[in-house]
Every structure is written in C-alpha cells, then in structure tokens.
Protein backbone atom coordinates (compact mmCIF):
# COMPACT_ATOMS: atom_id res chain seq x y z
CA MET A 1 78.75 88.04 152.92
CA LEU A 2 79.47 89.47 149.46
CA VAL A 3 76.17 91.36 149.46
CA GLU A 4 76.93 92.81 152.91
CA LEU A 5 80.37 94.00 151.76
CA ALA A 6 78.85 95.63 148.70
CA LEU A 7 76.22 97.44 150.76
CA LEU A 8 78.89 98.58 153.23
CA CYS A 9 81.00 100.00 150.40
CA VAL A 10 78.06 101.94 148.98
CA ALA A 11 77.18 103.32 152.37
CA THR A 12 80.69 104.38 153.39
CA CYS A 13 82.49 105.18 150.14
CA GLY A 14 79.74 107.16 148.47
CA VAL A 15 79.68 107.95 144.76
CA ALA A 16 82.85 109.34 143.20
CA GLU A 17 82.60 112.88 141.90
CA PRO A 18 83.07 113.13 138.13
CA ALA A 19 86.39 114.62 137.09
CA PRO A 20 86.11 118.24 135.88
CA ARG A 21 86.12 118.61 132.12
CA PRO A 22 89.24 120.48 130.99
CA ASN A 23 89.09 123.53 128.78
CA ILE A 24 90.89 122.99 125.48
CA VAL A 25 92.76 125.59 123.41
CA LEU A 26 94.29 124.08 120.27
CA ILE A 27 96.66 126.50 118.48
CA THR A 28 98.21 125.70 115.12
CA ALA A 29 100.72 127.78 113.19
CA ASP A 30 100.88 127.80 109.41
CA ASN A 31 104.09 126.85 107.56
CA LEU A 32 106.12 126.84 110.77
CA GLY A 33 109.01 124.42 111.06
CA TYR A 34 110.04 123.15 114.49
CA GLY A 35 113.52 124.54 113.83
CA ASP A 36 112.05 128.06 113.57
CA LEU A 37 111.53 128.26 117.34
CA GLY A 38 114.00 129.25 120.04
CA CYS A 39 113.04 126.27 122.21
CA TYR A 40 114.32 124.01 119.42
CA GLY A 41 117.61 125.85 119.02
CA ASN A 42 116.88 128.80 116.70
CA SER A 43 119.02 131.76 117.83
CA VAL A 44 117.80 134.23 115.18
CA VAL A 45 113.99 134.21 115.35
CA LYS A 46 112.64 135.51 118.67
CA THR A 47 109.82 133.34 120.05
CA PRO A 48 109.77 134.10 123.80
CA HIS A 49 106.13 133.22 124.47
CA LEU A 50 106.30 129.86 122.71
CA ASP A 51 109.62 129.18 124.43
CA ARG A 52 107.95 129.82 127.80
CA LEU A 53 105.10 127.45 126.93
CA ALA A 54 107.67 124.78 126.09
CA GLN A 55 109.54 125.38 129.34
CA GLN A 56 106.45 125.31 131.55
CA GLY A 57 104.63 122.54 129.67
CA VAL A 58 105.72 119.70 127.42
CA ARG A 59 108.09 119.97 124.47
CA CYS A 60 107.73 117.15 121.97
CA THR A 61 110.93 115.95 120.31
CA ASP A 62 109.32 113.36 118.02
CA PHE A 63 106.07 114.28 116.29
CA TYR A 64 104.55 113.28 112.97
CA THR A 65 101.83 114.97 110.96
CA ALA A 66 99.44 113.12 108.67
CA SER A 67 100.51 115.20 105.68
CA PRO A 68 102.93 118.02 104.74
CA THR A 69 100.07 119.99 103.17
CA CYS A 70 97.68 122.37 104.95
CA THR A 71 94.31 120.98 103.87
CA VAL A 72 95.09 117.33 104.46
CA SER A 73 96.79 117.78 107.83
CA ARG A 74 93.92 119.94 109.13
CA ALA A 75 91.32 117.42 108.01
CA SER A 76 93.25 114.72 109.85
CA LEU A 77 93.65 116.88 112.97
CA LEU A 78 89.91 117.58 113.19
CA THR A 79 88.76 114.05 112.36
CA GLY A 80 91.50 112.05 114.06
CA ARG A 81 91.75 109.93 110.91
CA TYR A 82 94.41 109.20 108.34
CA PRO A 83 93.92 110.93 104.96
CA GLN A 84 93.27 107.60 103.30
CA ARG A 85 90.29 107.16 105.61
CA HIS A 86 88.73 110.64 105.59
CA GLY A 87 89.31 110.88 101.82
CA LEU A 88 90.70 114.42 101.53
CA THR A 89 94.17 113.63 100.26
CA TRP A 90 94.93 116.78 98.23
CA GLN A 91 95.48 120.47 98.87
CA LEU A 92 92.38 122.52 98.00
CA PRO A 93 93.42 124.86 95.15
CA GLY A 94 92.25 128.40 94.41
CA ILE A 95 88.84 129.97 94.97
CA GLU A 96 86.99 127.00 93.50
CA GLY A 97 88.73 124.48 95.73
CA ASN A 98 88.63 126.47 98.95
CA TYR A 99 84.96 127.35 98.53
CA GLY A 100 83.98 123.83 97.46
CA VAL A 101 82.80 120.89 99.56
CA GLY A 102 86.29 119.81 100.64
CA LEU A 103 86.08 117.30 103.48
CA ARG A 104 83.06 115.06 102.92
CA HIS A 105 80.10 115.82 105.13
CA THR A 106 79.87 112.31 106.55
CA GLU A 107 83.10 112.82 108.51
CA ILE A 108 82.67 113.55 112.24
CA LEU A 109 84.75 116.46 113.55
CA LEU A 110 86.16 117.00 117.03
CA PRO A 111 83.89 119.99 117.83
CA GLN A 112 80.82 117.87 117.09
CA LEU A 113 81.86 115.33 119.70
CA LEU A 114 82.84 117.97 122.26
CA GLY A 115 79.55 119.81 121.67
CA GLN A 116 77.71 116.62 122.58
CA ALA A 117 79.75 116.52 125.79
CA GLY A 118 78.57 120.00 126.80
CA TYR A 119 81.41 122.11 125.43
CA ARG A 120 81.04 125.51 123.77
CA THR A 121 83.18 125.49 120.65
CA ALA A 122 84.78 128.15 118.46
CA CYS A 123 87.22 128.42 115.55
CA PHE A 124 89.26 131.57 114.88
CA GLY A 125 91.55 131.63 111.86
CA LYS A 126 92.29 129.43 108.87
CA TRP A 127 89.75 126.78 107.81
CA ASN A 128 90.98 125.42 104.44
CA ILE A 129 88.93 122.18 104.33
CA GLY A 130 85.94 123.42 102.32
CA PHE A 131 83.51 126.33 102.56
CA ALA A 132 80.52 125.28 100.47
CA ALA A 133 77.11 125.12 102.14
CA GLY A 134 77.32 122.40 104.77
CA SER A 135 81.13 122.56 104.89
CA ARG A 136 81.58 125.73 106.93
CA PRO A 137 82.76 125.67 110.56
CA THR A 138 79.40 126.63 112.11
CA GLU A 139 77.83 123.81 110.11
CA ARG A 140 80.38 121.28 111.33
CA GLY A 141 80.19 121.59 115.09
CA PHE A 142 81.57 125.04 115.92
CA ASP A 143 79.27 127.48 117.71
CA GLU A 144 81.33 130.45 116.48
CA PHE A 145 83.68 131.12 113.59
CA PHE A 146 85.75 134.15 112.65
CA GLY A 147 88.39 133.53 110.03
CA HIS A 148 89.12 132.69 106.41
CA ALA A 149 88.11 129.85 104.13
CA SER A 150 91.35 129.69 102.16
CA GLY A 151 94.87 128.52 102.82
CA ASN A 152 96.32 132.03 103.29
CA ILE A 153 95.24 135.67 103.29
CA ASP A 154 96.94 139.03 103.20
CA TYR A 155 97.60 139.92 106.82
CA ASP A 156 96.24 143.47 106.53
CA ASN A 157 93.72 143.45 103.67
CA HIS A 158 92.46 139.88 104.26
CA ILE A 159 92.42 139.15 100.51
CA TYR A 160 92.84 135.71 98.95
CA ASN A 161 93.37 135.59 95.17
CA GLY A 162 91.68 138.96 94.73
CA ARG A 163 88.68 138.13 96.92
CA LEU A 164 87.87 139.32 100.45
CA ASP A 165 88.23 136.20 102.57
CA LEU A 166 87.26 137.07 106.12
CA HIS A 167 84.05 135.65 107.56
CA ARG A 168 82.06 135.80 110.75
CA GLY A 169 79.96 132.68 110.79
CA THR A 170 79.08 132.17 107.13
CA GLU A 171 79.00 135.86 106.12
CA PRO A 172 81.93 137.87 104.72
CA VAL A 173 82.95 140.85 106.87
CA ARG A 174 85.35 143.76 106.60
CA VAL A 175 87.35 144.33 109.77
CA GLU A 176 90.41 146.54 110.14
CA GLY A 177 93.51 145.02 111.67
CA TYR A 178 96.41 142.61 111.43
CA CYS A 179 94.77 139.19 111.12
CA THR A 180 96.93 137.44 113.72
CA ASP A 181 95.84 140.00 116.31
CA LEU A 182 92.21 139.79 115.18
CA PHE A 183 92.07 136.01 115.58
CA ALA A 184 93.93 135.99 118.91
CA ASP A 185 91.76 138.76 120.33
CA ALA A 186 88.60 136.93 119.25
CA ALA A 187 89.83 133.78 120.99
CA CYS A 188 90.56 135.72 124.19
CA ARG A 189 87.07 137.26 124.17
CA PHE A 190 85.50 133.84 123.70
CA ILE A 191 87.52 132.37 126.58
CA ARG A 192 86.58 135.21 128.92
CA GLY A 193 82.92 134.95 127.91
CA HIS A 194 82.69 131.21 128.47
CA ALA A 195 84.68 130.77 131.66
CA SER A 196 81.72 129.24 133.50
CA ARG A 197 81.49 126.12 131.34
CA PRO A 198 83.96 123.91 129.43
CA PHE A 199 85.07 125.29 126.08
CA PHE A 200 87.07 124.21 123.05
CA VAL A 201 88.91 126.92 121.10
CA TYR A 202 90.54 125.97 117.81
CA LEU A 203 92.97 128.76 116.87
CA PRO A 204 94.52 127.91 113.48
CA LEU A 205 96.50 131.07 112.76
CA ASN A 206 97.38 132.28 109.26
CA ALA A 207 100.83 133.16 110.64
CA PRO A 208 103.62 132.77 109.76
CA HIS A 209 102.58 131.88 106.20
CA PHE A 210 104.79 133.54 103.59
CA PRO A 211 103.44 136.49 101.53
CA ASN A 212 101.46 135.45 98.45
CA PRO A 213 101.69 137.76 95.41
CA LYS A 214 98.14 136.75 94.39
CA ASN A 215 96.84 138.37 97.58
CA LYS A 216 98.43 141.77 96.95
CA ALA A 217 96.76 144.83 95.48
CA PRO A 218 98.30 146.28 92.27
CA GLY A 219 101.57 147.97 93.19
CA GLN A 220 101.65 146.50 96.70
CA PRO A 221 105.06 144.91 97.39
CA CYS A 222 105.10 141.21 98.18
CA ILE A 223 107.00 141.41 101.45
CA TRP A 224 106.61 139.92 104.92
CA GLN A 225 104.03 141.73 107.04
CA ALA A 226 104.19 142.38 110.77
CA PRO A 227 103.17 145.17 113.16
CA ASP A 228 105.81 147.76 114.02
CA ARG A 229 106.00 146.45 117.59
CA ALA A 230 107.10 143.05 116.27
CA LEU A 231 109.74 144.49 113.95
CA ALA A 232 111.06 146.71 116.76
CA ALA A 233 112.32 143.63 118.59
CA TYR A 234 114.89 143.18 115.81
CA GLY A 235 115.96 146.81 115.46
C-alpha cells in the first residue's frame, strides 16, 4: 500500500519547479550613521531615495556590525564570520596596508559561493581588505571590479595618499567623474547587461566619507565634495 501511494504521488504531483534565484544588490555607505537619514528622523540631510527604499521595503531598527572600522566590518560582511575567526581585526593603514595581503587568502568570500551557484558577480567601489596579488576582487570571486583599494579617495581626482587609486580589474585607470556617480553607473550597466541570469552586485560606495587632507593636491581646499545638482537641493 505504501509503495502504491508513493507511485501515485509521483505520477500526479510531478516534480516541483526550483525556486528562481533572486538577484542581489548589496549597497554599503561609508561612515554613514543611521541618524544621518531622513527615515530615521534626520530633518536636515535630504535622503529621499533611501527614505523611499525604507518605506517600500524593510527598515531595521536594531542592527549590529562586527566592527566600527571599515576594513574589519567589510571582511566580516563578505565572509559572514566574526573578526576573531577571519583574523583581520585591524584597520589597514596607508599605502602599505591597503596594498598588502589584508584578509588571508584561505577565507571564502560570498562572491565565490554565489559564483559556484551560477551567479555573475561584480564589485564597484571601495575594497579596503587588501590589494596584493591574490587579494584583489577579481581574484576573490568577483567577475568584474571597478573601484579603489583604499579606505577613501578624493571624489574627483581619485587620489589616496598622493597615489591614483582607481582600478578596473587589477589595473589602475584614469577616468573623469565624481566617483559616486562612476560606481553607481557601472553597477547599472552591469545589471542591464546581465538581466538574463542571476547576478550579485556589491556596491560599497566611498560616499559619504569625510574629506581627507592627504588626498588633496597642493593648494586644494579640504572641503566636502558634491556635484552642483546635489548642492542645489539645499540652496
């Protein structure tokens, strides 16, 4: 009787279709406090697009990061592991630190796992977990990378501590433009170009990191940078 029931189920129920794999866009902002956003009560800073995302999606009211520093929190985000487990428990300092090994190569990153599941993967923006050979995004599971190795760059000149820090893949490139727009536009192009298969876009923006005097040319004022269209919203 049990065998007959099993055969009947196979014949009538069929095989369940696998659930579609969702596309994933993971956006992180740099040095942004939750209280900086309108959806969390800020009445001075205008954040209409993020406020709309919060209204139409989910707004977290209790959230904890693995570390208050850029390097460590990003390593934890990409590995899913506490700093004490992945071993990168300090902020990478200067040119030597940012272009060193950083996160040990034995750690498995999210894009590696998603790549094995058939996803196309890309990173556009701030890396900050090591940029030595073997440590770069396209060597750690990402199919594409356009961004900077360091913890922060000049928004217009893309300089970090006197060095051009903008890369496509593993090669430095010079591209004109405000870096937030450059990274967002690159992400949009990737999404449009990979609409036929599941994709993972990691968009760790440099914004709104404060201006760093070490990234400025001689005589260049160390002031906040934004396109005119953004400043126009404030008069």
